[in-house]
């Protein structure tokens, strides 16, 4: 089951998703972005966005979704975090793995090789979700 493209942030709905997925041994894939923190943002919140006058999306919008997922309820469930973009998200996944949670994640190639500085070109190919962040994931 996946919420890609329309992240679930209603805690009660996510709880039910995790419970049902566990009953049927189905993995849950989550696009982690808290909608109220993403609303209106077009790139990473930070220096470049401020300089360009563009509304930003903070890193915490991704991290909070991982942190509030009911990890205590998914020890027997396969949970995957789709296309992560922050070092904080990597840390949360590592902590969950240390607790014995069956969690996986992935990062897209452009998040390994580009930074939000690429948005300065105003090339629409640099507009993505999650947004490019200030430091590449390779440096982390």
N, C-alpha and C. Protein backbone atom coordinates (compact mmCIF):
# COMPACT_ATOMS: atom_id res chain seq x y z
N UNK A 1 0.85 -1.17 0.00
CA UNK A 1 0.00 0.00 0.00
C UNK A 1 0.89 1.23 0.00
N UNK A 2 0.49 2.21 -0.75
CA UNK A 2 1.28 3.43 -0.83
C UNK A 2 0.38 4.66 -0.82
N UNK A 3 0.88 5.71 -0.22
CA UNK A 3 0.16 6.99 -0.22
C UNK A 3 0.86 7.99 -1.14
N UNK A 4 1.73 7.51 -2.00
CA UNK A 4 2.55 8.40 -2.82
C UNK A 4 1.70 9.40 -3.59
N UNK A 5 2.10 10.63 -3.49
CA UNK A 5 1.38 11.70 -4.16
C UNK A 5 0.34 12.37 -3.28
N UNK A 6 -0.11 11.70 -2.24
CA UNK A 6 -1.11 12.26 -1.32
C UNK A 6 -0.82 11.73 0.08
N UNK A 7 0.20 12.29 0.75
CA UNK A 7 0.60 11.78 2.06
C UNK A 7 -0.53 11.75 3.09
N UNK A 8 -0.56 10.68 3.86
CA UNK A 8 -1.55 10.53 4.93
C UNK A 8 -0.96 11.15 6.19
N UNK A 9 -1.63 12.16 6.73
CA UNK A 9 -1.15 12.71 7.99
C UNK A 9 -2.20 12.63 9.08
N UNK A 10 -3.31 12.06 8.80
CA UNK A 10 -4.31 11.84 9.83
C UNK A 10 -3.85 10.63 10.64
N UNK A 11 -3.51 10.84 11.89
CA UNK A 11 -2.94 9.78 12.71
C UNK A 11 -3.85 8.56 12.83
N UNK A 12 -5.14 8.79 12.93
CA UNK A 12 -6.08 7.67 13.06
C UNK A 12 -6.12 6.84 11.77
N UNK A 13 -6.13 7.49 10.63
CA UNK A 13 -6.14 6.77 9.36
C UNK A 13 -4.84 5.98 9.21
N UNK A 14 -3.71 6.62 9.52
CA UNK A 14 -2.42 5.91 9.39
C UNK A 14 -2.35 4.72 10.34
N UNK A 15 -2.88 4.88 11.53
CA UNK A 15 -2.93 3.75 12.48
C UNK A 15 -3.68 2.58 11.88
N UNK A 16 -4.83 2.85 11.27
CA UNK A 16 -5.64 1.79 10.65
C UNK A 16 -4.91 1.16 9.46
N UNK A 17 -4.27 2.00 8.65
CA UNK A 17 -3.49 1.48 7.51
C UNK A 17 -2.44 0.49 8.02
N UNK A 18 -1.70 0.89 9.04
CA UNK A 18 -0.65 0.02 9.58
C UNK A 18 -1.22 -1.27 10.17
N UNK A 19 -2.34 -1.16 10.86
CA UNK A 19 -2.96 -2.36 11.44
C UNK A 19 -3.43 -3.32 10.36
N UNK A 20 -4.12 -2.82 9.35
CA UNK A 20 -4.62 -3.68 8.28
C UNK A 20 -3.47 -4.25 7.45
N UNK A 21 -2.48 -3.44 7.17
CA UNK A 21 -1.33 -3.94 6.41
C UNK A 21 -0.64 -5.07 7.17
N UNK A 22 -0.55 -4.92 8.48
CA UNK A 22 0.04 -5.98 9.30
C UNK A 22 -0.78 -7.25 9.27
N UNK A 23 -2.09 -7.13 9.29
CA UNK A 23 -2.96 -8.31 9.25
C UNK A 23 -2.79 -9.10 7.96
N UNK A 24 -2.57 -8.40 6.87
CA UNK A 24 -2.47 -9.05 5.57
C UNK A 24 -1.04 -9.18 5.07
N UNK A 25 -0.08 -8.84 5.92
CA UNK A 25 1.34 -8.94 5.59
C UNK A 25 1.66 -8.19 4.29
N UNK A 26 1.17 -6.97 4.21
CA UNK A 26 1.36 -6.12 3.04
C UNK A 26 2.28 -4.96 3.45
N UNK A 27 3.31 -4.66 2.66
CA UNK A 27 4.19 -3.53 3.03
C UNK A 27 3.47 -2.19 2.86
N UNK A 28 3.89 -1.22 3.65
CA UNK A 28 3.38 0.15 3.56
C UNK A 28 4.51 1.03 3.06
N UNK A 29 4.23 1.77 1.99
CA UNK A 29 5.20 2.70 1.42
C UNK A 29 4.63 4.10 1.63
N UNK A 30 5.42 4.93 2.30
CA UNK A 30 4.90 6.26 2.64
C UNK A 30 5.74 7.37 2.01
N UNK A 31 5.03 8.30 1.38
CA UNK A 31 5.63 9.55 0.88
C UNK A 31 5.55 10.51 2.07
N UNK A 32 6.67 10.81 2.65
CA UNK A 32 6.69 11.55 3.91
C UNK A 32 6.79 13.05 3.73
N UNK A 33 5.63 13.70 3.74
CA UNK A 33 5.56 15.15 3.75
C UNK A 33 4.30 15.57 4.50
N UNK A 34 4.48 16.31 5.56
CA UNK A 34 3.34 16.79 6.34
C UNK A 34 2.69 17.92 5.54
N UNK A 35 1.46 17.70 5.08
CA UNK A 35 0.81 18.63 4.16
C UNK A 35 0.76 20.10 4.60
N UNK A 36 0.52 20.36 5.87
CA UNK A 36 0.40 21.76 6.30
C UNK A 36 1.75 22.49 6.25
N UNK A 37 2.86 21.74 6.28
CA UNK A 37 4.18 22.37 6.20
C UNK A 37 4.66 22.51 4.76
N UNK A 38 4.04 21.78 3.86
CA UNK A 38 4.43 21.79 2.44
C UNK A 38 3.61 22.81 1.66
N UNK A 39 2.40 23.06 2.10
CA UNK A 39 1.44 23.89 1.39
C UNK A 39 2.07 25.18 0.86
N UNK A 40 2.02 25.35 -0.44
CA UNK A 40 2.50 26.56 -1.08
C UNK A 40 3.98 26.59 -1.37
N UNK A 41 4.74 25.64 -0.83
CA UNK A 41 6.18 25.63 -1.04
C UNK A 41 6.54 25.10 -2.43
N UNK A 42 7.59 25.65 -2.98
CA UNK A 42 8.02 25.22 -4.31
C UNK A 42 9.45 24.71 -4.36
N UNK A 43 10.19 24.90 -3.26
CA UNK A 43 11.57 24.42 -3.18
C UNK A 43 11.95 24.31 -1.70
N UNK A 44 13.17 23.90 -1.43
CA UNK A 44 13.64 23.81 -0.05
C UNK A 44 13.59 25.17 0.63
N UNK A 45 13.12 25.17 1.88
CA UNK A 45 13.14 26.40 2.67
C UNK A 45 14.58 26.66 3.10
N UNK A 46 15.09 27.81 2.78
CA UNK A 46 16.46 28.12 3.16
C UNK A 46 16.96 29.37 2.45
N UNK A 47 18.27 29.51 2.45
CA UNK A 47 18.92 30.70 1.90
C UNK A 47 18.56 30.94 0.45
N UNK A 48 18.65 29.89 -0.38
CA UNK A 48 18.40 30.06 -1.82
C UNK A 48 16.94 30.48 -2.05
N UNK A 49 16.01 29.84 -1.37
CA UNK A 49 14.59 30.20 -1.52
C UNK A 49 14.36 31.66 -1.12
N UNK A 50 14.98 32.07 -0.03
CA UNK A 50 14.83 33.45 0.43
C UNK A 50 15.41 34.42 -0.59
N UNK A 51 16.58 34.09 -1.09
CA UNK A 51 17.23 34.95 -2.08
C UNK A 51 16.41 35.06 -3.37
N UNK A 52 15.78 33.94 -3.78
CA UNK A 52 14.98 33.93 -5.00
C UNK A 52 13.55 34.43 -4.77
N UNK A 53 13.17 34.59 -3.52
CA UNK A 53 11.82 35.05 -3.21
C UNK A 53 10.76 33.98 -3.44
N UNK A 54 11.15 32.71 -3.26
CA UNK A 54 10.23 31.59 -3.48
C UNK A 54 9.85 30.96 -2.16
N UNK A 55 8.58 30.55 -2.01
CA UNK A 55 8.16 29.91 -0.75
C UNK A 55 8.81 28.54 -0.60
N UNK A 56 9.26 28.24 0.60
CA UNK A 56 10.02 27.02 0.84
C UNK A 56 9.28 25.92 1.58
N UNK A 57 9.85 24.72 1.47
CA UNK A 57 9.35 23.54 2.18
C UNK A 57 10.44 23.13 3.16
N UNK A 58 10.16 23.17 4.47
CA UNK A 58 11.20 22.84 5.45
C UNK A 58 11.49 21.34 5.52
N UNK A 59 12.71 21.02 5.90
CA UNK A 59 13.11 19.62 6.06
C UNK A 59 12.23 18.89 7.06
N UNK A 60 11.79 19.59 8.08
CA UNK A 60 10.98 18.97 9.12
C UNK A 60 9.65 18.43 8.57
N UNK A 61 9.20 18.94 7.43
CA UNK A 61 7.96 18.44 6.83
C UNK A 61 8.09 16.96 6.48
N UNK A 62 9.28 16.55 6.09
CA UNK A 62 9.55 15.14 5.79
C UNK A 62 9.80 14.35 7.08
N UNK A 63 10.62 14.90 7.92
CA UNK A 63 11.06 14.18 9.12
C UNK A 63 9.93 13.92 10.10
N UNK A 64 9.02 14.87 10.24
CA UNK A 64 7.92 14.70 11.19
C UNK A 64 7.04 13.51 10.81
N UNK A 65 6.87 13.29 9.51
CA UNK A 65 6.04 12.16 9.07
C UNK A 65 6.66 10.82 9.48
N UNK A 66 7.97 10.73 9.39
CA UNK A 66 8.65 9.49 9.78
C UNK A 66 8.56 9.34 11.29
N UNK A 67 8.77 10.42 12.01
CA UNK A 67 8.79 10.38 13.47
C UNK A 67 7.44 10.02 14.07
N UNK A 68 6.35 10.46 13.47
CA UNK A 68 5.05 10.21 14.09
C UNK A 68 4.38 8.92 13.63
N UNK A 69 4.98 8.24 12.66
CA UNK A 69 4.41 6.95 12.27
C UNK A 69 4.53 6.01 13.47
N UNK A 70 3.52 5.23 13.67
CA UNK A 70 3.43 4.43 14.89
C UNK A 70 4.44 3.30 14.90
N UNK A 71 5.71 3.63 15.11
CA UNK A 71 6.75 2.61 15.05
C UNK A 71 6.54 1.49 16.07
N UNK A 72 5.95 1.82 17.21
CA UNK A 72 5.70 0.77 18.20
C UNK A 72 4.68 -0.24 17.69
N UNK A 73 3.90 0.12 16.68
CA UNK A 73 2.88 -0.78 16.14
C UNK A 73 3.34 -1.52 14.89
N UNK A 74 4.51 -1.21 14.38
CA UNK A 74 4.87 -1.81 13.09
C UNK A 74 6.10 -2.72 13.16
N UNK A 75 6.40 -3.26 14.32
CA UNK A 75 7.55 -4.15 14.43
C UNK A 75 7.44 -5.35 13.48
N UNK A 76 6.25 -5.82 13.24
CA UNK A 76 6.05 -6.98 12.39
C UNK A 76 5.64 -6.58 10.96
N UNK A 77 5.74 -5.32 10.65
CA UNK A 77 5.27 -4.80 9.37
C UNK A 77 6.44 -4.30 8.54
N UNK A 78 6.37 -4.47 7.25
CA UNK A 78 7.36 -3.95 6.34
C UNK A 78 6.97 -2.51 5.97
N UNK A 79 7.80 -1.55 6.36
CA UNK A 79 7.51 -0.14 6.16
C UNK A 79 8.64 0.49 5.34
N UNK A 80 8.28 1.22 4.30
CA UNK A 80 9.27 1.82 3.40
C UNK A 80 9.02 3.32 3.30
N UNK A 81 10.08 4.10 3.48
CA UNK A 81 10.01 5.55 3.33
C UNK A 81 10.50 5.86 1.92
N UNK A 82 9.61 6.42 1.11
CA UNK A 82 9.93 6.71 -0.29
C UNK A 82 10.70 8.01 -0.43
N UNK A 83 11.67 7.99 -1.31
CA UNK A 83 12.47 9.15 -1.74
C UNK A 83 12.76 10.19 -0.64
N UNK A 84 13.60 9.79 0.28
CA UNK A 84 14.00 10.69 1.36
C UNK A 84 14.96 11.76 0.83
N UNK A 85 14.99 12.90 1.54
CA UNK A 85 15.86 13.98 1.08
C UNK A 85 16.64 14.67 2.20
N UNK A 86 16.49 14.23 3.45
CA UNK A 86 17.17 14.93 4.54
C UNK A 86 18.01 13.98 5.39
N UNK A 87 19.06 14.55 5.98
CA UNK A 87 19.90 13.77 6.89
C UNK A 87 19.10 13.37 8.13
N UNK A 88 18.17 14.22 8.55
CA UNK A 88 17.32 13.90 9.71
C UNK A 88 16.48 12.67 9.45
N UNK A 89 16.00 12.51 8.23
CA UNK A 89 15.22 11.32 7.88
C UNK A 89 16.08 10.06 7.95
N UNK A 90 17.31 10.17 7.47
CA UNK A 90 18.24 9.03 7.53
C UNK A 90 18.46 8.63 8.99
N UNK A 91 18.64 9.63 9.85
CA UNK A 91 18.84 9.36 11.28
C UNK A 91 17.64 8.64 11.88
N UNK A 92 16.44 9.08 11.55
CA UNK A 92 15.22 8.45 12.07
C UNK A 92 15.10 7.00 11.60
N UNK A 93 15.43 6.74 10.35
CA UNK A 93 15.38 5.37 9.84
C UNK A 93 16.41 4.50 10.55
N UNK A 94 17.60 5.03 10.75
CA UNK A 94 18.65 4.27 11.48
C UNK A 94 18.18 3.92 12.89
N UNK A 95 17.57 4.90 13.57
CA UNK A 95 17.08 4.65 14.93
C UNK A 95 16.00 3.58 14.93
N UNK A 96 15.11 3.62 13.96
CA UNK A 96 14.04 2.62 13.88
C UNK A 96 14.65 1.23 13.63
N UNK A 97 15.64 1.15 12.75
CA UNK A 97 16.30 -0.14 12.49
C UNK A 97 16.94 -0.69 13.76
N UNK A 98 17.56 0.19 14.54
CA UNK A 98 18.19 -0.24 15.79
C UNK A 98 17.18 -0.79 16.78
N UNK A 99 15.92 -0.37 16.66
CA UNK A 99 14.86 -0.87 17.53
C UNK A 99 14.24 -2.15 16.98
N UNK A 100 14.78 -2.64 15.86
CA UNK A 100 14.28 -3.88 15.30
C UNK A 100 13.10 -3.74 14.36
N UNK A 101 12.82 -2.52 13.93
CA UNK A 101 11.70 -2.28 13.03
C UNK A 101 12.10 -2.62 11.60
N UNK A 102 11.22 -3.29 10.88
CA UNK A 102 11.47 -3.68 9.49
C UNK A 102 11.21 -2.48 8.60
N UNK A 103 12.18 -1.57 8.55
CA UNK A 103 12.03 -0.33 7.79
C UNK A 103 13.09 -0.27 6.71
N UNK A 104 12.69 0.20 5.55
CA UNK A 104 13.61 0.44 4.45
C UNK A 104 13.36 1.84 3.92
N UNK A 105 14.24 2.30 3.07
CA UNK A 105 14.08 3.63 2.49
C UNK A 105 14.87 3.70 1.20
N UNK A 106 14.64 4.76 0.45
CA UNK A 106 15.42 5.00 -0.75
C UNK A 106 15.55 6.49 -0.98
N UNK A 107 16.56 6.82 -1.75
CA UNK A 107 16.84 8.20 -2.11
C UNK A 107 17.01 8.23 -3.62
N UNK A 108 16.49 9.26 -4.25
CA UNK A 108 16.59 9.36 -5.71
C UNK A 108 17.97 9.89 -6.12
N UNK A 109 18.44 9.54 -7.32
CA UNK A 109 19.77 9.98 -7.77
C UNK A 109 19.97 11.49 -7.74
N UNK A 110 18.93 12.25 -8.07
CA UNK A 110 19.11 13.70 -8.09
C UNK A 110 19.32 14.27 -6.69
N UNK A 111 18.82 13.59 -5.66
CA UNK A 111 19.07 14.06 -4.30
C UNK A 111 20.50 13.73 -3.85
N UNK A 112 21.15 12.81 -4.54
CA UNK A 112 22.55 12.51 -4.26
C UNK A 112 23.50 13.47 -4.98
N UNK A 113 23.05 14.03 -6.08
CA UNK A 113 23.97 14.77 -6.94
C UNK A 113 23.70 16.26 -7.08
N UNK A 114 22.50 16.71 -6.76
CA UNK A 114 22.16 18.12 -6.91
C UNK A 114 21.82 18.75 -5.57
N UNK A 115 21.91 20.06 -5.51
CA UNK A 115 21.49 20.81 -4.32
C UNK A 115 20.44 21.84 -4.73
N UNK A 116 19.87 22.52 -3.76
CA UNK A 116 18.87 23.53 -4.07
C UNK A 116 19.46 24.70 -4.86
N UNK A 117 20.77 24.78 -4.92
CA UNK A 117 21.42 25.79 -5.73
C UNK A 117 21.06 25.64 -7.21
N UNK A 118 20.73 24.42 -7.65
CA UNK A 118 20.34 24.17 -9.04
C UNK A 118 19.06 24.91 -9.42
N UNK A 119 18.26 25.25 -8.43
CA UNK A 119 16.99 25.94 -8.70
C UNK A 119 17.23 27.37 -9.19
N UNK A 120 18.40 27.90 -8.92
CA UNK A 120 18.72 29.25 -9.38
C UNK A 120 18.55 29.41 -10.90
N UNK A 121 18.67 28.32 -11.62
CA UNK A 121 18.55 28.37 -13.09
C UNK A 121 17.10 28.56 -13.54
N UNK A 122 16.16 28.36 -12.61
CA UNK A 122 14.73 28.40 -12.91
C UNK A 122 14.33 27.35 -13.95
N UNK A 123 15.16 26.34 -14.11
CA UNK A 123 14.84 25.21 -14.98
C UNK A 123 13.77 24.39 -14.27
N UNK A 124 12.65 24.15 -14.91
CA UNK A 124 11.55 23.42 -14.27
C UNK A 124 11.94 21.99 -13.90
N UNK A 125 13.01 21.46 -14.48
CA UNK A 125 13.48 20.12 -14.11
C UNK A 125 14.03 20.09 -12.69
N UNK A 126 14.30 21.24 -12.11
CA UNK A 126 14.81 21.26 -10.73
C UNK A 126 13.68 21.34 -9.70
N UNK A 127 12.45 21.43 -10.16
CA UNK A 127 11.28 21.43 -9.27
C UNK A 127 10.87 19.99 -9.05
N UNK A 128 11.00 19.51 -7.84
CA UNK A 128 10.67 18.11 -7.54
C UNK A 128 10.12 17.98 -6.14
N UNK A 129 9.63 16.80 -5.84
CA UNK A 129 8.99 16.53 -4.57
C UNK A 129 9.51 15.20 -4.02
N UNK A 130 10.25 15.19 -2.94
CA UNK A 130 10.65 16.32 -2.10
C UNK A 130 11.64 17.21 -2.84
N UNK A 131 11.78 18.45 -2.36
CA UNK A 131 12.67 19.39 -3.06
C UNK A 131 14.14 19.05 -2.86
N UNK A 132 14.96 19.60 -3.74
CA UNK A 132 16.40 19.50 -3.56
C UNK A 132 16.76 20.25 -2.28
N UNK A 133 17.68 19.69 -1.53
CA UNK A 133 18.09 20.30 -0.25
C UNK A 133 19.44 21.00 -0.42
N UNK A 134 19.89 21.77 0.60
CA UNK A 134 21.12 22.56 0.45
C UNK A 134 22.41 21.76 0.29
N UNK A 135 22.53 20.61 0.90
CA UNK A 135 23.73 19.79 0.74
C UNK A 135 23.33 18.45 0.16
N UNK A 136 24.14 17.92 -0.75
CA UNK A 136 23.77 16.63 -1.33
C UNK A 136 23.83 15.57 -0.25
N UNK A 137 23.08 14.51 -0.45
CA UNK A 137 23.08 13.39 0.49
C UNK A 137 24.45 12.72 0.53
N UNK A 138 25.27 12.87 -0.52
CA UNK A 138 26.59 12.26 -0.54
C UNK A 138 27.50 12.85 0.53
N UNK A 139 27.28 14.10 0.88
CA UNK A 139 28.11 14.76 1.88
C UNK A 139 27.71 14.38 3.30
N UNK A 140 26.60 13.68 3.44
CA UNK A 140 26.10 13.39 4.77
C UNK A 140 26.56 12.08 5.20
